Amino acid sequence: MDKLKTILLVDDSSKDIELTLEALGEHNLANLVSVAKDGVEALEYLNCEGKYMQRKPENPAVILLDIKMPRMDGIEVLKAIKGNSKLKNIPVVMLTSSREEQDLIKSYELGVNAYVVKPVNFKDFIDAVKNLGIFWALINELPSA
């Protein structure tokens, strides 16, 4: 079996980060999660810049991306990822509380792979994240870099 790749979680909510890690931990995926607290930090991670300069230049298996964040929102991050030839094949899942139709439409126009609204109910949130992690980190096949 190939080495499991990292999941990049981009979210500014400490509570949502904690819940996501807990959900992924139920399938032993939490130790494979790198967390960026906003869009600027996410792009630094992906481009091995700033505090990530020493990071092994390997793309994550999937990016779980929130929309509403400070400094650079998820739509801007998605646009930067899909516009970069080295990053554009990384699956991106919007994992957001936004139910705004314009966010959904814009995300798909920019090439998002899935759009998941964070459930309000704790158990539903845990189940949704577990299913995302299993599919994107374990089942989905990516082209070799």
C-alpha atoms as a PDB file:
ATOM      1  CA  MET A   1       0.000   0.000   0.000  1.00  0.00           C
ATOM      2  CA  ASP A   2       1.277   3.452  -0.862  1.00  0.00           C
ATOM      3  CA  LYS A   3       2.117   5.891   1.904  1.00  0.00           C
ATOM      4  CA  LEU A   4      -0.948   7.887   2.879  1.00  0.00           C
ATOM      5  CA  LYS A   5      -0.787  11.524   1.891  1.00  0.00           C
ATOM      6  CA  THR A   6      -1.607  14.518   4.017  1.00  0.00           C
ATOM      7  CA  ILE A   7      -4.976  16.220   4.199  1.00  0.00           C
ATOM      8  CA  LEU A   8      -4.724  20.014   4.236  1.00  0.00           C
ATOM      9  CA  LEU A   9      -7.426  21.542   6.422  1.00  0.00           C
ATOM     10  CA  VAL A  10      -7.894  25.290   5.908  1.00  0.00           C
ATOM     11  CA  ASP A  11     -10.188  26.833   8.509  1.00  0.00           C
ATOM     12  CA  ASP A  12     -10.014  29.773  10.901  1.00  0.00           C
ATOM     13  CA  SER A  13     -12.400  28.258  13.476  1.00  0.00           C
ATOM     14  CA  SER A  14     -10.568  26.457  16.296  1.00  0.00           C
ATOM     15  CA  LYS A  15     -13.797  24.632  17.162  1.00  0.00           C
ATOM     16  CA  ASP A  16     -14.298  23.349  13.615  1.00  0.00           C
ATOM     17  CA  ILE A  17     -10.625  22.335  13.388  1.00  0.00           C
ATOM     18  CA  GLU A  18     -10.939  20.366  16.630  1.00  0.00           C
ATOM     19  CA  LEU A  19     -14.149  18.640  15.473  1.00  0.00           C
ATOM     20  CA  THR A  20     -12.642  17.817  12.081  1.00  0.00           C
ATOM     21  CA  LEU A  21      -9.526  16.307  13.651  1.00  0.00           C
ATOM     22  CA  GLU A  22     -11.695  14.285  16.041  1.00  0.00           C
ATOM     23  CA  ALA A  23     -13.769  12.922  13.153  1.00  0.00           C
ATOM     24  CA  LEU A  24     -10.714  12.026  11.080  1.00  0.00           C
ATOM     25  CA  GLY A  25      -9.104  10.483  14.146  1.00  0.00           C
ATOM     26  CA  GLU A  26     -11.824   7.845  14.259  1.00  0.00           C
ATOM     27  CA  HIS A  27     -10.285   6.419  11.077  1.00  0.00           C
ATOM     28  CA  ASN A  28      -6.680   7.112  12.069  1.00  0.00           C
ATOM     29  CA  LEU A  29      -6.421   9.985   9.601  1.00  0.00           C
ATOM     30  CA  ALA A  30      -5.979  12.856  12.089  1.00  0.00           C
ATOM     31  CA  ASN A  31      -2.206  12.436  12.243  1.00  0.00           C
ATOM     32  CA  LEU A  32      -2.114  13.084   8.513  1.00  0.00           C
ATOM     33  CA  VAL A  33      -3.750  16.514   8.737  1.00  0.00           C
ATOM     34  CA  SER A  34      -1.892  19.781   8.274  1.00  0.00           C
ATOM     35  CA  VAL A  35      -3.837  22.844   9.390  1.00  0.00           C
ATOM     36  CA  ALA A  36      -3.704  26.334   7.898  1.00  0.00           C
ATOM     37  CA  LYS A  37      -5.685  29.042   9.705  1.00  0.00           C
ATOM     38  CA  ASP A  38      -6.410  31.167   6.607  1.00  0.00           C
ATOM     39  CA  GLY A  39      -5.948  31.331   2.858  1.00  0.00           C
ATOM     40  CA  VAL A  40      -2.567  33.062   2.939  1.00  0.00           C
ATOM     41  CA  GLU A  41      -1.159  30.342   5.185  1.00  0.00           C
ATOM     42  CA  ALA A  42      -2.694  27.646   2.955  1.00  0.00           C
ATOM     43  CA  LEU A  43      -0.929  28.989  -0.137  1.00  0.00           C
ATOM     44  CA  GLU A  44       2.340  29.290   1.791  1.00  0.00           C
ATOM     45  CA  TYR A  45       1.947  25.628   2.754  1.00  0.00           C
ATOM     46  CA  LEU A  46       1.164  24.518  -0.798  1.00  0.00           C
ATOM     47  CA  ASN A  47       4.046  26.532  -2.265  1.00  0.00           C
ATOM     48  CA  CYS A  48       6.524  25.593   0.501  1.00  0.00           C
ATOM     49  CA  GLU A  49       7.009  29.228   1.480  1.00  0.00           C
ATOM     50  CA  GLY A  50       7.366  31.100   4.782  1.00  0.00           C
ATOM     51  CA  LYS A  51       7.302  28.752   7.766  1.00  0.00           C
ATOM     52  CA  TYR A  52       6.747  25.846   5.341  1.00  0.00           C
ATOM     53  CA  MET A  53      10.007  26.311   3.415  1.00  0.00           C
ATOM     54  CA  GLN A  54      11.433  23.079   4.853  1.00  0.00           C
ATOM     55  CA  ARG A  55       8.304  21.053   4.101  1.00  0.00           C
ATOM     56  CA  LYS A  56       8.708  18.181   1.669  1.00  0.00           C
ATOM     57  CA  PRO A  57       7.242  19.508  -1.611  1.00  0.00           C
ATOM     58  CA  GLU A  58       4.446  16.974  -1.873  1.00  0.00           C
ATOM     59  CA  ASN A  59       0.835  17.839  -2.646  1.00  0.00           C
ATOM     60  CA  PRO A  60      -1.840  16.782  -0.157  1.00  0.00           C
ATOM     61  CA  ALA A  61      -4.393  14.110  -1.061  1.00  0.00           C
ATOM     62  CA  VAL A  62      -7.187  16.654  -0.603  1.00  0.00           C
ATOM     63  CA  ILE A  63      -7.750  20.181   0.643  1.00  0.00           C
ATOM     64  CA  LEU A  64     -10.705  20.775   2.968  1.00  0.00           C
ATOM     65  CA  LEU A  65     -11.299  24.479   2.500  1.00  0.00           C
ATOM     66  CA  ASP A  66     -13.531  26.890   4.407  1.00  0.00           C
ATOM     67  CA  ILE A  67     -14.844  29.938   2.542  1.00  0.00           C
ATOM     68  CA  LYS A  68     -15.254  32.649   5.174  1.00  0.00           C
ATOM     69  CA  MET A  69     -11.738  33.386   6.496  1.00  0.00           C
ATOM     70  CA  PRO A  70      -9.606  36.448   7.254  1.00  0.00           C
ATOM     71  CA  ARG A  71      -6.821  37.757   4.984  1.00  0.00           C
ATOM     72  CA  MET A  72      -7.780  35.556   1.998  1.00  0.00           C
ATOM     73  CA  ASP A  73     -11.059  33.690   1.680  1.00  0.00           C
ATOM     74  CA  GLY A  74     -11.586  30.191   0.333  1.00  0.00           C
ATOM     75  CA  ILE A  75     -12.830  31.363  -3.079  1.00  0.00           C
ATOM     76  CA  GLU A  76      -9.564  33.278  -3.612  1.00  0.00           C
ATOM     77  CA  VAL A  77      -7.547  30.263  -2.472  1.00  0.00           C
ATOM     78  CA  LEU A  78      -9.470  27.962  -4.820  1.00  0.00           C
ATOM     79  CA  LYS A  79      -8.834  30.342  -7.723  1.00  0.00           C
ATOM     80  CA  ALA A  80      -5.088  30.404  -6.936  1.00  0.00           C
ATOM     81  CA  ILE A  81      -4.920  26.597  -6.658  1.00  0.00           C
ATOM     82  CA  LYS A  82      -6.805  25.879  -9.873  1.00  0.00           C
ATOM     83  CA  GLY A  83      -4.748  28.534 -11.697  1.00  0.00           C
ATOM     84  CA  ASN A  84      -1.432  26.932 -10.725  1.00  0.00           C
ATOM     85  CA  SER A  85      -0.244  24.065 -12.942  1.00  0.00           C
ATOM     86  CA  LYS A  86       1.536  22.380  -9.996  1.00  0.00           C
ATOM     87  CA  LEU A  87      -1.534  22.489  -7.745  1.00  0.00           C
ATOM     88  CA  LYS A  88      -4.589  22.342 -10.024  1.00  0.00           C
ATOM     89  CA  ASN A  89      -5.031  18.553  -9.814  1.00  0.00           C
ATOM     90  CA  ILE A  90      -5.340  18.539  -6.016  1.00  0.00           C
ATOM     91  CA  PRO A  91      -8.945  17.759  -5.095  1.00  0.00           C
ATOM     92  CA  VAL A  92     -10.525  20.649  -3.206  1.00  0.00           C
ATOM     93  CA  VAL A  93     -13.611  20.209  -1.050  1.00  0.00           C
ATOM     94  CA  MET A  94     -15.336  23.311   0.236  1.00  0.00           C
ATOM     95  CA  LEU A  95     -16.225  22.443   3.820  1.00  0.00           C
ATOM     96  CA  THR A  96     -18.101  25.540   4.827  1.00  0.00           C
ATOM     97  CA  SER A  97     -21.035  26.924   6.747  1.00  0.00           C
ATOM     98  CA  SER A  98     -21.965  29.086   3.753  1.00  0.00           C
ATOM     99  CA  ARG A  99     -25.265  28.213   2.153  1.00  0.00           C
ATOM    100  CA  GLU A 100     -25.044  31.234  -0.152  1.00  0.00           C
ATOM    101  CA  GLU A 101     -25.913  30.235  -3.713  1.00  0.00           C
ATOM    102  CA  GLN A 102     -23.259  32.611  -5.098  1.00  0.00           C
ATOM    103  CA  ASP A 103     -20.530  30.802  -3.104  1.00  0.00           C
ATOM    104  CA  LEU A 104     -21.711  27.429  -4.390  1.00  0.00           C
ATOM    105  CA  ILE A 105     -21.861  28.608  -8.013  1.00  0.00           C
ATOM    106  CA  LYS A 106     -18.515  30.419  -7.869  1.00  0.00           C
ATOM    107  CA  SER A 107     -16.823  27.389  -6.266  1.00  0.00           C
ATOM    108  CA  TYR A 108     -17.968  25.079  -9.053  1.00  0.00           C
ATOM    109  CA  GLU A 109     -17.089  27.639 -11.728  1.00  0.00           C
ATOM    110  CA  LEU A 110     -13.544  27.692 -10.337  1.00  0.00           C
ATOM    111  CA  GLY A 111     -13.252  23.893 -10.340  1.00  0.00           C
ATOM    112  CA  VAL A 112     -14.079  22.730  -6.806  1.00  0.00           C
ATOM    113  CA  ASN A 113     -14.463  18.953  -6.548  1.00  0.00           C
ATOM    114  CA  ALA A 114     -17.204  18.999  -3.896  1.00  0.00           C
ATOM    115  CA  TYR A 115     -19.146  21.498  -1.810  1.00  0.00           C
ATOM    116  CA  VAL A 116     -20.201  20.351   1.661  1.00  0.00           C
ATOM    117  CA  VAL A 117     -22.140  22.567   4.052  1.00  0.00           C
ATOM    118  CA  LYS A 118     -21.008  21.926   7.631  1.00  0.00           C
ATOM    119  CA  PRO A 119     -23.887  20.308   9.479  1.00  0.00           C
ATOM    120  CA  VAL A 120     -24.960  22.124  12.646  1.00  0.00           C
ATOM    121  CA  ASN A 121     -25.620  18.861  14.497  1.00  0.00           C
ATOM    122  CA  PHE A 122     -22.430  17.484  16.121  1.00  0.00           C
ATOM    123  CA  LYS A 123     -22.984  13.845  15.072  1.00  0.00           C
ATOM    124  CA  ASP A 124     -23.851  14.847  11.503  1.00  0.00           C
ATOM    125  CA  PHE A 125     -20.705  17.009  11.321  1.00  0.00           C
ATOM    126  CA  ILE A 126     -18.528  14.118  12.559  1.00  0.00           C
ATOM    127  CA  ASP A 127     -20.133  11.701  10.074  1.00  0.00           C
ATOM    128  CA  ALA A 128     -19.743  14.099   7.145  1.00  0.00           C
ATOM    129  CA  VAL A 129     -16.051  14.695   7.866  1.00  0.00           C
ATOM    130  CA  LYS A 130     -15.354  10.979   8.393  1.00  0.00           C
ATOM    131  CA  ASN A 131     -16.909  10.199   5.021  1.00  0.00           C
ATOM    132  CA  LEU A 132     -14.952  12.983   3.324  1.00  0.00           C
ATOM    133  CA  GLY A 133     -11.697  11.766   4.836  1.00  0.00           C
ATOM    134  CA  ILE A 134     -12.272   8.158   3.904  1.00  0.00           C
ATOM    135  CA  PHE A 135     -13.177   8.951   0.306  1.00  0.00           C
ATOM    136  CA  TRP A 136     -10.635  11.636  -0.533  1.00  0.00           C
ATOM    137  CA  ALA A 137      -7.664  10.339   1.490  1.00  0.00           C
ATOM    138  CA  LEU A 138      -8.118   6.585   1.107  1.00  0.00           C
ATOM    139  CA  ILE A 139     -10.319   5.729  -1.873  1.00  0.00           C
ATOM    140  CA  ASN A 140      -9.830   8.490  -4.462  1.00  0.00           C
ATOM    141  CA  GLU A 141      -7.017   7.962  -6.993  1.00  0.00           C
ATOM    142  CA  LEU A 142      -4.879  10.894  -8.097  1.00  0.00           C
ATOM    143  CA  PRO A 143      -2.560  11.088 -11.104  1.00  0.00           C
ATOM    144  CA  SER A 144       1.110  10.788 -10.184  1.00  0.00           C
ATOM    145  CA  ALA A 145       2.867  14.128  -9.964  1.00  0.00           C
END
